[in-house]
């Protein structure tokens, strides 16, 4: 599970279940989890 801080300062958890939920609606994103995780601002 990746955790990042949103631009509003809220922790965002990207669990496997959440990613699966996203890719059900957007199957074209399924192969891009690694690239997506690079966009997250690292938690401090």
PDB file of N, CA and C in Angstrom:
ATOM      1  N   UNK A   1       0.842  -1.172   0.000  1.00  0.00           N
ATOM      2  CA  UNK A   1       0.000   0.000   0.000  1.00  0.00           C
ATOM      3  C   UNK A   1       0.890   1.238   0.000  1.00  0.00           C
ATOM      4  N   UNK A   2       0.588   2.146  -0.893  1.00  0.00           N
ATOM      5  CA  UNK A   2       1.287   3.424  -0.955  1.00  0.00           C
ATOM      6  C   UNK A   2       0.457   4.465  -0.220  1.00  0.00           C
ATOM      7  N   UNK A   3       1.134   5.342   0.474  1.00  0.00           N
ATOM      8  CA  UNK A   3       0.475   6.456   1.153  1.00  0.00           C
ATOM      9  C   UNK A   3       1.141   7.741   0.689  1.00  0.00           C
ATOM     10  N   UNK A   4       0.316   8.699   0.349  1.00  0.00           N
ATOM     11  CA  UNK A   4       0.817   9.999  -0.073  1.00  0.00           C
ATOM     12  C   UNK A   4       0.001  11.066   0.632  1.00  0.00           C
ATOM     13  N   UNK A   5       0.465  12.279   0.551  1.00  0.00           N
ATOM     14  CA  UNK A   5      -0.252  13.423   1.103  1.00  0.00           C
ATOM     15  C   UNK A   5      -0.821  14.224  -0.070  1.00  0.00           C
ATOM     16  N   UNK A   6      -2.127  14.448  -0.031  1.00  0.00           N
ATOM     17  CA  UNK A   6      -2.757  15.216  -1.109  1.00  0.00           C
ATOM     18  C   UNK A   6      -2.321  16.677  -1.019  1.00  0.00           C
ATOM     19  N   UNK A   7      -2.641  17.449  -2.041  1.00  0.00           N
ATOM     20  CA  UNK A   7      -2.278  18.868  -2.025  1.00  0.00           C
ATOM     21  C   UNK A   7      -2.994  19.619  -0.906  1.00  0.00           C
ATOM     22  N   UNK A   8      -4.047  19.007  -0.355  1.00  0.00           N
ATOM     23  CA  UNK A   8      -4.773  19.613   0.762  1.00  0.00           C
ATOM     24  C   UNK A   8      -4.290  19.103   2.114  1.00  0.00           C
ATOM     25  N   UNK A   9      -3.220  18.281   2.110  1.00  0.00           N
ATOM     26  CA  UNK A   9      -2.655  17.787   3.346  1.00  0.00           C
ATOM     27  C   UNK A   9      -3.324  16.545   3.912  1.00  0.00           C
ATOM     28  N   UNK A  10      -4.164  15.904   3.126  1.00  0.00           N
ATOM     29  CA  UNK A  10      -4.896  14.719   3.574  1.00  0.00           C
ATOM     30  C   UNK A  10      -4.145  13.461   3.141  1.00  0.00           C
ATOM     31  N   UNK A  11      -3.905  12.515   4.070  1.00  0.00           N
ATOM     32  CA  UNK A  11      -3.259  11.263   3.672  1.00  0.00           C
ATOM     33  C   UNK A  11      -4.157  10.474   2.708  1.00  0.00           C
ATOM     34  N   UNK A  12      -3.555   9.940   1.668  1.00  0.00           N
ATOM     35  CA  UNK A  12      -4.273   9.163   0.665  1.00  0.00           C
ATOM     36  C   UNK A  12      -3.646   7.775   0.625  1.00  0.00           C
ATOM     37  N   UNK A  13      -4.466   6.751   0.880  1.00  0.00           N
ATOM     38  CA  UNK A  13      -3.980   5.372   0.847  1.00  0.00           C
ATOM     39  C   UNK A  13      -4.398   4.726  -0.466  1.00  0.00           C
ATOM     40  N   UNK A  14      -3.437   4.223  -1.221  1.00  0.00           N
ATOM     41  CA  UNK A  14      -3.745   3.518  -2.462  1.00  0.00           C
ATOM     42  C   UNK A  14      -3.536   2.028  -2.201  1.00  0.00           C
ATOM     43  N   UNK A  15      -4.610   1.397  -1.741  1.00  0.00           N
ATOM     44  CA  UNK A  15      -4.562  -0.032  -1.474  1.00  0.00           C
ATOM     45  C   UNK A  15      -4.761  -0.802  -2.773  1.00  0.00           C
ATOM     46  N   UNK A  16      -4.469  -2.078  -2.729  1.00  0.00           N
ATOM     47  CA  UNK A  16      -4.701  -2.937  -3.892  1.00  0.00           C
ATOM     48  C   UNK A  16      -6.175  -2.918  -4.271  1.00  0.00           C
ATOM     49  N   UNK A  17      -7.042  -2.973  -3.264  1.00  0.00           N
ATOM     50  CA  UNK A  17      -8.484  -2.947  -3.531  1.00  0.00           C
ATOM     51  C   UNK A  17      -8.911  -1.647  -4.194  1.00  0.00           C
ATOM     52  N   UNK A  18      -8.342  -0.522  -3.756  1.00  0.00           N
ATOM     53  CA  UNK A  18      -8.679   0.783  -4.350  1.00  0.00           C
ATOM     54  C   UNK A  18      -8.218   0.838  -5.804  1.00  0.00           C
ATOM     55  N   UNK A  19      -6.995   0.340  -6.061  1.00  0.00           N
ATOM     56  CA  UNK A  19      -6.479   0.339  -7.434  1.00  0.00           C
ATOM     57  C   UNK A  19      -7.350  -0.536  -8.327  1.00  0.00           C
ATOM     58  N   UNK A  20      -7.786  -1.685  -7.819  1.00  0.00           N
ATOM     59  CA  UNK A  20      -8.665  -2.558  -8.600  1.00  0.00           C
ATOM     60  C   UNK A  20      -9.983  -1.856  -8.900  1.00  0.00           C
ATOM     61  N   UNK A  21     -10.523  -1.123  -7.926  1.00  0.00           N
ATOM     62  CA  UNK A  21     -11.760  -0.371  -8.126  1.00  0.00           C
ATOM     63  C   UNK A  21     -11.581   0.667  -9.235  1.00  0.00           C
ATOM     64  N   UNK A  22     -10.469   1.366  -9.222  1.00  0.00           N
ATOM     65  CA  UNK A  22     -10.193   2.372 -10.258  1.00  0.00           C
ATOM     66  C   UNK A  22     -10.072   1.722 -11.624  1.00  0.00           C
ATOM     67  N   UNK A  23      -9.331   0.618 -11.711  1.00  0.00           N
ATOM     68  CA  UNK A  23      -9.076   0.015 -13.016  1.00  0.00           C
ATOM     69  C   UNK A  23     -10.279  -0.750 -13.573  1.00  0.00           C
ATOM     70  N   UNK A  24     -11.269  -1.055 -12.735  1.00  0.00           N
ATOM     71  CA  UNK A  24     -12.511  -1.630 -13.271  1.00  0.00           C
ATOM     72  C   UNK A  24     -13.196  -0.604 -14.174  1.00  0.00           C
ATOM     73  N   UNK A  25     -13.216   0.637 -13.730  1.00  0.00           N
ATOM     74  CA  UNK A  25     -13.835   1.706 -14.518  1.00  0.00           C
ATOM     75  C   UNK A  25     -12.920   2.269 -15.597  1.00  0.00           C
ATOM     76  N   UNK A  26     -11.617   2.080 -15.424  1.00  0.00           N
ATOM     77  CA  UNK A  26     -10.628   2.612 -16.363  1.00  0.00           C
ATOM     78  C   UNK A  26      -9.589   1.528 -16.659  1.00  0.00           C
ATOM     79  N   UNK A  27      -9.970   0.489 -17.394  1.00  0.00           N
ATOM     80  CA  UNK A  27      -9.049  -0.632 -17.627  1.00  0.00           C
ATOM     81  C   UNK A  27      -7.769  -0.238 -18.350  1.00  0.00           C
ATOM     82  N   UNK A  28      -7.790   0.873 -19.056  1.00  0.00           N
ATOM     83  CA  UNK A  28      -6.586   1.337 -19.752  1.00  0.00           C
ATOM     84  C   UNK A  28      -5.487   1.765 -18.769  1.00  0.00           C
ATOM     85  N   UNK A  29      -5.830   1.997 -17.500  1.00  0.00           N
ATOM     86  CA  UNK A  29      -4.845   2.384 -16.492  1.00  0.00           C
ATOM     87  C   UNK A  29      -4.197   1.198 -15.787  1.00  0.00           C
ATOM     88  N   UNK A  30      -4.712   0.006 -15.996  1.00  0.00           N
ATOM     89  CA  UNK A  30      -4.300  -1.169 -15.221  1.00  0.00           C
ATOM     90  C   UNK A  30      -2.792  -1.420 -15.236  1.00  0.00           C
ATOM     91  N   UNK A  31      -2.134  -1.161 -16.326  1.00  0.00           N
ATOM     92  CA  UNK A  31      -0.702  -1.437 -16.437  1.00  0.00           C
ATOM     93  C   UNK A  31       0.176  -0.281 -15.963  1.00  0.00           C
ATOM     94  N   UNK A  32      -0.414   0.764 -15.411  1.00  0.00           N
ATOM     95  CA  UNK A  32       0.341   1.968 -15.092  1.00  0.00           C
ATOM     96  C   UNK A  32       0.436   2.280 -13.597  1.00  0.00           C
ATOM     97  N   UNK A  33       0.292   1.278 -12.740  1.00  0.00           N
ATOM     98  CA  UNK A  33       0.359   1.558 -11.300  1.00  0.00           C
ATOM     99  C   UNK A  33       1.715   2.142 -10.917  1.00  0.00           C
ATOM    100  N   UNK A  34       2.790   1.585 -11.426  1.00  0.00           N
ATOM    101  CA  UNK A  34       4.128   2.079 -11.082  1.00  0.00           C
ATOM    102  C   UNK A  34       4.267   3.550 -11.486  1.00  0.00           C
ATOM    103  N   UNK A  35       3.850   3.886 -12.687  1.00  0.00           N
ATOM    104  CA  UNK A  35       3.934   5.272 -13.154  1.00  0.00           C
ATOM    105  C   UNK A  35       3.055   6.184 -12.295  1.00  0.00           C
ATOM    106  N   UNK A  36       1.867   5.702 -11.950  1.00  0.00           N
ATOM    107  CA  UNK A  36       0.963   6.482 -11.105  1.00  0.00           C
ATOM    108  C   UNK A  36       1.600   6.739  -9.743  1.00  0.00           C
ATOM    109  N   UNK A  37       2.211   5.713  -9.167  1.00  0.00           N
ATOM    110  CA  UNK A  37       2.797   5.874  -7.843  1.00  0.00           C
ATOM    111  C   UNK A  37       3.920   6.905  -7.834  1.00  0.00           C
ATOM    112  N   UNK A  38       4.580   7.094  -8.956  1.00  0.00           N
ATOM    113  CA  UNK A  38       5.630   8.109  -9.051  1.00  0.00           C
ATOM    114  C   UNK A  38       5.046   9.526  -9.008  1.00  0.00           C
ATOM    115  N   UNK A  39       3.764   9.668  -9.313  1.00  0.00           N
ATOM    116  CA  UNK A  39       3.115  10.981  -9.291  1.00  0.00           C
ATOM    117  C   UNK A  39       2.716  11.398  -7.886  1.00  0.00           C
ATOM    118  N   UNK A  40       2.643  10.426  -6.977  1.00  0.00           N
ATOM    119  CA  UNK A  40       2.236  10.729  -5.612  1.00  0.00           C
ATOM    120  C   UNK A  40       3.344  11.483  -4.893  1.00  0.00           C
ATOM    121  N   UNK A  41       2.966  12.455  -4.136  1.00  0.00           N
ATOM    122  CA  UNK A  41       3.914  13.196  -3.313  1.00  0.00           C
ATOM    123  C   UNK A  41       4.270  12.305  -2.116  1.00  0.00           C
ATOM    124  N   UNK A  42       5.540  12.012  -1.903  1.00  0.00           N
ATOM    125  CA  UNK A  42       5.909  11.128  -0.785  1.00  0.00           C
ATOM    126  C   UNK A  42       5.455  11.671   0.555  1.00  0.00           C
ATOM    127  N   UNK A  43       5.044  10.777   1.419  1.00  0.00           N
ATOM    128  CA  UNK A  43       4.621  11.151   2.754  1.00  0.00           C
ATOM    129  C   UNK A  43       5.826  11.618   3.573  1.00  0.00           C
ATOM    130  N   UNK A  44       5.652  12.667   4.336  1.00  0.00           N
ATOM    131  CA  UNK A  44       6.749  13.207   5.154  1.00  0.00           C
ATOM    132  C   UNK A  44       6.648  12.702   6.579  1.00  0.00           C
TER     133      UNK A  44
END
